[in-house]
Amino acid sequence: GINAEYMGDIMATLDVSGDGVVTFKEFVSFMQKTDTGDVNEAVQIFECLDMDKSGSLDTAEFTTALHKVHPRFTTSETHHIVRMADENHDGVISVKEFKKLYQKVMV
């Protein structure tokens, strides 16, 4: 899993305003600065989010990750993003599905 220090570093990088909350605008701004075609980066992010190391993200893992990035996401918003990512509707997000979502968000 992710240790607290690593998560703190990630939050500090993303939280440009320093207010302790990563807004969606801050998240998108950071992501747009990264190499949009870097599939390896998507895989690394996926592996960090896959807390049980199952090789897929269940709804709870993905929702938890979304709330860490943006605590003000509503339940409706998180469900929409999960539905958008889970292309085959099997209830989990595979690495392949996550890479597709990552590339959509990055463009």
N, C-alpha and C. Protein backbone atom coordinates (compact mmCIF):
# COMPACT_ATOMS: atom_id res chain seq x y z
N GLY A 1 0.81 -1.19 0.00
CA GLY A 1 0.00 0.00 0.00
C GLY A 1 0.85 1.25 0.00
N ILE A 2 0.22 2.35 0.09
CA ILE A 2 0.90 3.64 0.10
C ILE A 2 1.15 4.04 1.54
N ASN A 3 2.41 4.40 1.85
CA ASN A 3 2.66 4.85 3.21
C ASN A 3 2.27 6.31 3.36
N ALA A 4 2.10 6.73 4.58
CA ALA A 4 1.60 8.08 4.87
C ALA A 4 2.53 9.17 4.33
N GLU A 5 3.83 8.94 4.40
CA GLU A 5 4.78 9.94 3.92
C GLU A 5 4.66 10.13 2.41
N TYR A 6 4.53 9.02 1.68
CA TYR A 6 4.38 9.09 0.22
C TYR A 6 3.08 9.81 -0.14
N MET A 7 2.01 9.47 0.55
CA MET A 7 0.73 10.13 0.29
C MET A 7 0.82 11.61 0.61
N GLY A 8 1.53 11.96 1.66
CA GLY A 8 1.74 13.37 2.00
C GLY A 8 2.49 14.12 0.91
N ASP A 9 3.50 13.45 0.33
CA ASP A 9 4.25 14.06 -0.78
C ASP A 9 3.35 14.29 -1.99
N ILE A 10 2.51 13.30 -2.30
CA ILE A 10 1.59 13.42 -3.42
C ILE A 10 0.64 14.58 -3.18
N MET A 11 0.07 14.65 -1.97
CA MET A 11 -0.87 15.72 -1.66
C MET A 11 -0.21 17.09 -1.73
N ALA A 12 1.02 17.18 -1.23
CA ALA A 12 1.74 18.46 -1.26
C ALA A 12 1.98 18.91 -2.70
N THR A 13 2.27 17.97 -3.57
CA THR A 13 2.50 18.29 -4.98
C THR A 13 1.22 18.76 -5.65
N LEU A 14 0.12 18.08 -5.36
CA LEU A 14 -1.14 18.40 -6.01
C LEU A 14 -1.81 19.65 -5.44
N ASP A 15 -1.66 19.88 -4.14
CA ASP A 15 -2.35 20.98 -3.45
C ASP A 15 -1.58 22.29 -3.64
N VAL A 16 -1.73 22.87 -4.83
CA VAL A 16 -0.99 24.08 -5.20
C VAL A 16 -1.30 25.24 -4.26
N SER A 17 -2.55 25.38 -3.85
CA SER A 17 -2.95 26.50 -3.00
C SER A 17 -2.50 26.33 -1.55
N GLY A 18 -2.16 25.09 -1.15
CA GLY A 18 -1.71 24.83 0.21
C GLY A 18 -2.82 24.84 1.25
N ASP A 19 -4.07 24.71 0.82
CA ASP A 19 -5.19 24.76 1.77
C ASP A 19 -5.58 23.40 2.33
N GLY A 20 -4.81 22.35 1.97
CA GLY A 20 -5.10 21.02 2.49
C GLY A 20 -6.13 20.23 1.71
N VAL A 21 -6.65 20.83 0.63
CA VAL A 21 -7.64 20.16 -0.22
C VAL A 21 -7.17 20.24 -1.66
N VAL A 22 -7.19 19.09 -2.34
CA VAL A 22 -6.85 19.07 -3.76
C VAL A 22 -8.15 19.27 -4.52
N THR A 23 -8.27 20.43 -5.14
CA THR A 23 -9.48 20.69 -5.92
C THR A 23 -9.37 19.96 -7.26
N PHE A 24 -10.51 19.79 -7.90
CA PHE A 24 -10.51 19.15 -9.21
C PHE A 24 -9.65 19.94 -10.18
N LYS A 25 -9.71 21.26 -10.09
CA LYS A 25 -8.92 22.14 -10.97
C LYS A 25 -7.42 21.91 -10.74
N GLU A 26 -7.01 21.78 -9.49
CA GLU A 26 -5.61 21.52 -9.19
C GLU A 26 -5.18 20.15 -9.73
N PHE A 27 -6.05 19.16 -9.58
CA PHE A 27 -5.75 17.82 -10.06
C PHE A 27 -5.59 17.82 -11.57
N VAL A 28 -6.55 18.42 -12.28
CA VAL A 28 -6.49 18.47 -13.74
C VAL A 28 -5.26 19.25 -14.20
N SER A 29 -4.98 20.35 -13.54
CA SER A 29 -3.81 21.16 -13.89
C SER A 29 -2.53 20.34 -13.76
N PHE A 30 -2.41 19.60 -12.68
CA PHE A 30 -1.23 18.75 -12.49
C PHE A 30 -1.16 17.69 -13.58
N MET A 31 -2.27 17.04 -13.85
CA MET A 31 -2.28 15.96 -14.82
C MET A 31 -1.95 16.47 -16.22
N GLN A 32 -2.36 17.68 -16.54
CA GLN A 32 -2.08 18.24 -17.87
C GLN A 32 -0.60 18.56 -18.03
N LYS A 33 0.11 18.73 -16.92
CA LYS A 33 1.54 19.01 -16.98
C LYS A 33 2.35 17.74 -17.21
N THR A 34 1.75 16.58 -16.98
CA THR A 34 2.45 15.31 -17.16
C THR A 34 2.38 14.90 -18.62
N ASP A 35 3.18 13.93 -18.98
CA ASP A 35 3.19 13.39 -20.34
C ASP A 35 1.89 12.63 -20.56
N THR A 36 1.03 13.14 -21.41
CA THR A 36 -0.29 12.56 -21.60
C THR A 36 -0.25 11.17 -22.20
N GLY A 37 0.80 10.80 -22.87
CA GLY A 37 0.87 9.49 -23.48
C GLY A 37 1.59 8.46 -22.63
N ASP A 38 1.94 8.79 -21.43
CA ASP A 38 2.75 7.92 -20.59
C ASP A 38 1.89 6.83 -19.94
N VAL A 39 1.77 5.71 -20.63
CA VAL A 39 0.97 4.60 -20.13
C VAL A 39 1.59 4.02 -18.86
N ASN A 40 2.92 4.05 -18.77
CA ASN A 40 3.58 3.54 -17.57
C ASN A 40 3.16 4.31 -16.33
N GLU A 41 2.97 5.61 -16.49
CA GLU A 41 2.52 6.42 -15.36
C GLU A 41 1.12 6.00 -14.93
N ALA A 42 0.25 5.72 -15.90
CA ALA A 42 -1.10 5.26 -15.58
C ALA A 42 -1.04 3.95 -14.81
N VAL A 43 -0.16 3.05 -15.22
CA VAL A 43 -0.02 1.75 -14.54
C VAL A 43 0.49 1.95 -13.11
N GLN A 44 1.45 2.86 -12.94
CA GLN A 44 1.98 3.14 -11.59
C GLN A 44 0.88 3.69 -10.68
N ILE A 45 0.08 4.60 -11.21
CA ILE A 45 -1.02 5.16 -10.41
C ILE A 45 -2.00 4.06 -10.06
N PHE A 46 -2.33 3.23 -11.06
CA PHE A 46 -3.26 2.11 -10.83
C PHE A 46 -2.75 1.21 -9.71
N GLU A 47 -1.47 0.87 -9.75
CA GLU A 47 -0.89 -0.02 -8.74
C GLU A 47 -0.95 0.60 -7.35
N CYS A 48 -0.81 1.91 -7.25
CA CYS A 48 -0.92 2.58 -5.95
C CYS A 48 -2.36 2.53 -5.44
N LEU A 49 -3.32 2.63 -6.35
CA LEU A 49 -4.73 2.64 -5.95
C LEU A 49 -5.24 1.24 -5.62
N ASP A 50 -4.62 0.22 -6.19
CA ASP A 50 -5.05 -1.16 -6.01
C ASP A 50 -4.56 -1.67 -4.65
N MET A 51 -5.25 -1.23 -3.60
CA MET A 51 -4.80 -1.48 -2.23
C MET A 51 -4.70 -2.97 -1.89
N ASP A 52 -5.59 -3.80 -2.42
CA ASP A 52 -5.55 -5.23 -2.10
C ASP A 52 -4.72 -6.04 -3.10
N LYS A 53 -4.10 -5.34 -4.05
CA LYS A 53 -3.21 -5.95 -5.05
C LYS A 53 -3.90 -7.07 -5.83
N SER A 54 -5.19 -6.87 -6.12
CA SER A 54 -5.98 -7.87 -6.84
C SER A 54 -5.81 -7.77 -8.35
N GLY A 55 -5.20 -6.68 -8.82
CA GLY A 55 -5.06 -6.48 -10.25
C GLY A 55 -6.24 -5.74 -10.85
N SER A 56 -7.18 -5.35 -10.01
CA SER A 56 -8.32 -4.55 -10.46
C SER A 56 -8.74 -3.63 -9.32
N LEU A 57 -9.44 -2.57 -9.68
CA LEU A 57 -9.95 -1.64 -8.67
C LEU A 57 -11.43 -1.89 -8.50
N ASP A 58 -11.82 -2.25 -7.28
CA ASP A 58 -13.26 -2.37 -7.05
C ASP A 58 -13.82 -0.97 -6.81
N THR A 59 -15.12 -0.89 -6.77
CA THR A 59 -15.77 0.41 -6.62
C THR A 59 -15.30 1.13 -5.37
N ALA A 60 -15.12 0.40 -4.27
CA ALA A 60 -14.69 1.02 -3.01
C ALA A 60 -13.29 1.61 -3.14
N GLU A 61 -12.35 0.87 -3.73
CA GLU A 61 -10.99 1.38 -3.90
C GLU A 61 -10.98 2.63 -4.76
N PHE A 62 -11.70 2.58 -5.86
CA PHE A 62 -11.71 3.72 -6.78
C PHE A 62 -12.39 4.92 -6.16
N THR A 63 -13.49 4.70 -5.47
CA THR A 63 -14.21 5.79 -4.81
C THR A 63 -13.34 6.41 -3.72
N THR A 64 -12.64 5.58 -2.95
CA THR A 64 -11.73 6.08 -1.91
C THR A 64 -10.66 6.96 -2.53
N ALA A 65 -10.10 6.51 -3.65
CA ALA A 65 -9.06 7.28 -4.34
C ALA A 65 -9.61 8.61 -4.84
N LEU A 66 -10.81 8.60 -5.41
CA LEU A 66 -11.42 9.84 -5.89
C LEU A 66 -11.64 10.81 -4.74
N HIS A 67 -12.06 10.31 -3.59
CA HIS A 67 -12.30 11.19 -2.44
C HIS A 67 -11.00 11.73 -1.86
N LYS A 68 -9.91 10.98 -1.99
CA LYS A 68 -8.61 11.50 -1.53
C LYS A 68 -8.16 12.65 -2.42
N VAL A 69 -8.44 12.53 -3.71
CA VAL A 69 -8.07 13.58 -4.66
C VAL A 69 -8.98 14.78 -4.50
N HIS A 70 -10.26 14.52 -4.35
CA HIS A 70 -11.24 15.60 -4.26
C HIS A 70 -12.32 15.20 -3.26
N PRO A 71 -12.14 15.55 -1.98
CA PRO A 71 -13.09 15.13 -0.94
C PRO A 71 -14.52 15.60 -1.15
N ARG A 72 -14.71 16.58 -1.99
CA ARG A 72 -16.05 17.13 -2.18
C ARG A 72 -16.82 16.46 -3.31
N PHE A 73 -16.23 15.43 -3.94
CA PHE A 73 -16.98 14.67 -4.94
C PHE A 73 -18.25 14.14 -4.30
N THR A 74 -19.36 14.28 -4.97
CA THR A 74 -20.61 13.72 -4.47
C THR A 74 -20.67 12.24 -4.81
N THR A 75 -21.56 11.53 -4.14
CA THR A 75 -21.74 10.11 -4.44
C THR A 75 -22.14 9.93 -5.90
N SER A 76 -22.99 10.79 -6.39
CA SER A 76 -23.42 10.74 -7.78
C SER A 76 -22.25 10.92 -8.74
N GLU A 77 -21.37 11.87 -8.45
CA GLU A 77 -20.21 12.11 -9.30
C GLU A 77 -19.27 10.91 -9.31
N THR A 78 -19.02 10.33 -8.14
CA THR A 78 -18.11 9.18 -8.09
C THR A 78 -18.70 7.99 -8.82
N HIS A 79 -20.01 7.76 -8.66
CA HIS A 79 -20.65 6.66 -9.38
C HIS A 79 -20.58 6.87 -10.89
N HIS A 80 -20.73 8.11 -11.33
CA HIS A 80 -20.65 8.42 -12.75
C HIS A 80 -19.25 8.10 -13.29
N ILE A 81 -18.23 8.50 -12.57
CA ILE A 81 -16.86 8.25 -13.00
C ILE A 81 -16.57 6.75 -13.02
N VAL A 82 -17.04 6.03 -12.00
CA VAL A 82 -16.85 4.58 -11.96
C VAL A 82 -17.54 3.93 -13.16
N ARG A 83 -18.78 4.33 -13.44
CA ARG A 83 -19.50 3.77 -14.59
C ARG A 83 -18.78 4.07 -15.90
N MET A 84 -18.22 5.28 -16.00
CA MET A 84 -17.50 5.66 -17.20
C MET A 84 -16.23 4.81 -17.36
N ALA A 85 -15.56 4.52 -16.27
CA ALA A 85 -14.32 3.74 -16.32
C ALA A 85 -14.57 2.25 -16.54
N ASP A 86 -15.63 1.73 -15.93
CA ASP A 86 -15.93 0.28 -15.98
C ASP A 86 -16.67 -0.05 -17.28
N GLU A 87 -15.92 -0.11 -18.37
CA GLU A 87 -16.53 -0.27 -19.69
C GLU A 87 -17.29 -1.57 -19.87
N ASN A 88 -16.82 -2.66 -19.27
CA ASN A 88 -17.50 -3.94 -19.46
C ASN A 88 -18.53 -4.24 -18.35
N HIS A 89 -18.71 -3.30 -17.44
CA HIS A 89 -19.74 -3.37 -16.39
C HIS A 89 -19.64 -4.63 -15.52
N ASP A 90 -18.39 -5.02 -15.21
CA ASP A 90 -18.21 -6.19 -14.35
C ASP A 90 -18.03 -5.82 -12.88
N GLY A 91 -18.14 -4.53 -12.58
CA GLY A 91 -18.05 -4.07 -11.19
C GLY A 91 -16.66 -3.74 -10.71
N VAL A 92 -15.65 -3.95 -11.56
CA VAL A 92 -14.28 -3.60 -11.21
C VAL A 92 -13.63 -2.88 -12.40
N ILE A 93 -12.58 -2.14 -12.12
CA ILE A 93 -11.86 -1.41 -13.15
C ILE A 93 -10.53 -2.11 -13.36
N SER A 94 -10.35 -2.64 -14.55
CA SER A 94 -9.11 -3.34 -14.88
C SER A 94 -8.02 -2.31 -15.22
N VAL A 95 -6.79 -2.81 -15.32
CA VAL A 95 -5.69 -1.93 -15.72
C VAL A 95 -5.99 -1.34 -17.10
N LYS A 96 -6.49 -2.16 -18.01
CA LYS A 96 -6.81 -1.70 -19.36
C LYS A 96 -7.86 -0.58 -19.33
N GLU A 97 -8.90 -0.77 -18.53
CA GLU A 97 -9.95 0.26 -18.41
C GLU A 97 -9.40 1.52 -17.78
N PHE A 98 -8.54 1.37 -16.77
CA PHE A 98 -7.96 2.53 -16.10
C PHE A 98 -7.07 3.31 -17.06
N LYS A 99 -6.28 2.61 -17.88
CA LYS A 99 -5.42 3.30 -18.85
C LYS A 99 -6.26 4.10 -19.83
N LYS A 100 -7.39 3.54 -20.27
CA LYS A 100 -8.27 4.26 -21.19
C LYS A 100 -8.82 5.51 -20.51
N LEU A 101 -9.29 5.38 -19.27
CA LEU A 101 -9.81 6.53 -18.53
C LEU A 101 -8.73 7.57 -18.36
N TYR A 102 -7.54 7.14 -17.98
CA TYR A 102 -6.40 8.03 -17.77
C TYR A 102 -6.13 8.82 -19.04
N GLN A 103 -6.12 8.15 -20.17
CA GLN A 103 -5.83 8.83 -21.44
C GLN A 103 -6.95 9.80 -21.81
N LYS A 104 -8.22 9.47 -21.49
CA LYS A 104 -9.33 10.39 -21.75
C LYS A 104 -9.20 11.65 -20.93
N VAL A 105 -8.82 11.49 -19.66
CA VAL A 105 -8.69 12.63 -18.75
C VAL A 105 -7.50 13.51 -19.15
N MET A 106 -6.47 12.88 -19.67
CA MET A 106 -5.24 13.60 -19.99
C MET A 106 -5.35 14.41 -21.27
N VAL A 107 -6.26 14.08 -22.15
CA VAL A 107 -6.35 14.76 -23.45
C VAL A 107 -7.08 16.07 -23.33
